[in-house]
Amino acid sequence: GNIMLSHRVVHAPLTRYRSDSTFSPTDLTVEYYAQRASVPGTFLITEGAFVTAEGSGLLHASGIWTEEQVTAWKKVRI
């Protein structure tokens, strides 16, 4: 469908390295996205997340292959 934005700026996906040693997003991740979503009409695309431990090669990048990681990502809400 159509998305109406208040402006033409979109925050593209980036790797933020704000996760812990288990690749779970931390409170800093929640704060980071909350700050950027504080302006009404903001359109954010979250960072890419690794889907397996074997596929990850970056410390403190985000993952989404365990229940712990999924639960942590659910805290990143607007």
Protein backbone atom coordinates (compact mmCIF):
# COMPACT_ATOMS: atom_id res chain seq x y z
CA GLY A 1 0.00 0.00 0.00
CA ASN A 2 0.89 3.64 0.08
CA ILE A 3 2.85 5.16 2.94
CA MET A 4 2.45 8.87 3.58
CA LEU A 5 5.52 10.40 5.22
CA SER A 6 5.70 13.81 6.87
CA HIS A 7 9.05 14.39 5.14
CA ARG A 8 11.36 12.71 2.65
CA VAL A 9 13.99 11.41 5.08
CA VAL A 10 14.16 7.67 5.73
CA HIS A 11 16.60 6.13 8.21
CA ALA A 12 18.18 3.27 6.30
CA PRO A 13 19.25 -0.03 7.92
CA LEU A 14 22.69 0.04 9.52
CA THR A 15 24.63 -2.29 11.78
CA ARG A 16 24.76 -0.55 15.15
CA TYR A 17 26.87 -2.94 17.31
CA ARG A 18 24.66 -2.28 20.33
CA SER A 19 23.94 -5.91 21.20
CA ASP A 20 25.49 -7.97 23.96
CA SER A 21 27.81 -10.98 23.68
CA THR A 22 24.81 -13.25 22.97
CA PHE A 23 23.85 -11.04 19.98
CA SER A 24 20.75 -9.84 21.87
CA PRO A 25 19.74 -6.20 21.52
CA THR A 26 20.31 -4.23 24.73
CA ASP A 27 18.59 -1.28 26.38
CA LEU A 28 20.98 0.90 24.37
CA THR A 29 19.40 -0.52 21.19
CA VAL A 30 15.94 0.37 22.49
CA GLU A 31 17.11 3.90 23.35
CA TYR A 32 18.80 4.35 19.96
CA TYR A 33 15.64 3.56 17.99
CA ALA A 34 13.37 5.46 20.41
CA GLN A 35 15.47 8.60 19.93
CA ARG A 36 15.26 8.35 16.17
CA ALA A 37 11.53 7.63 16.22
CA SER A 38 10.70 10.55 18.50
CA VAL A 39 9.67 12.80 15.59
CA PRO A 40 6.17 11.99 14.28
CA GLY A 41 6.19 10.67 10.73
CA THR A 42 9.67 9.18 10.96
CA PHE A 43 10.21 6.04 8.88
CA LEU A 44 12.86 3.66 10.26
CA ILE A 45 14.15 0.42 8.82
CA THR A 46 15.87 -1.58 11.53
CA GLU A 47 19.36 -2.95 11.12
CA GLY A 48 20.00 -6.31 9.56
CA ALA A 49 20.15 -9.15 12.06
CA PHE A 50 22.10 -12.38 11.76
CA VAL A 51 19.95 -15.51 11.56
CA THR A 52 22.59 -18.01 12.75
CA ALA A 53 25.67 -17.93 14.95
CA GLU A 54 27.67 -19.45 12.11
CA GLY A 55 26.64 -16.63 9.79
CA SER A 56 27.69 -13.87 12.15
CA GLY A 57 31.16 -12.48 12.06
CA LEU A 58 30.77 -9.28 14.03
CA LEU A 59 30.84 -8.94 17.80
CA HIS A 60 27.92 -7.06 19.34
CA ALA A 61 25.92 -7.09 16.11
CA SER A 62 22.30 -8.20 16.43
CA GLY A 63 20.96 -11.70 15.98
CA ILE A 64 17.49 -13.15 15.82
CA TRP A 65 17.93 -16.93 16.02
CA THR A 66 17.19 -17.52 19.73
CA GLU A 67 14.14 -16.82 21.88
CA GLU A 68 16.29 -14.50 24.02
CA GLN A 69 17.12 -12.38 20.97
CA VAL A 70 13.51 -12.32 19.74
CA THR A 71 12.34 -11.22 23.19
CA ALA A 72 14.97 -8.48 23.28
CA TRP A 73 13.94 -7.23 19.81
CA LYS A 74 10.32 -6.97 20.97
CA LYS A 75 11.41 -4.17 23.32
CA VAL A 76 12.26 -2.08 20.26
CA ARG A 77 8.78 -0.70 19.63
CA ILE A 78 7.31 2.60 18.73
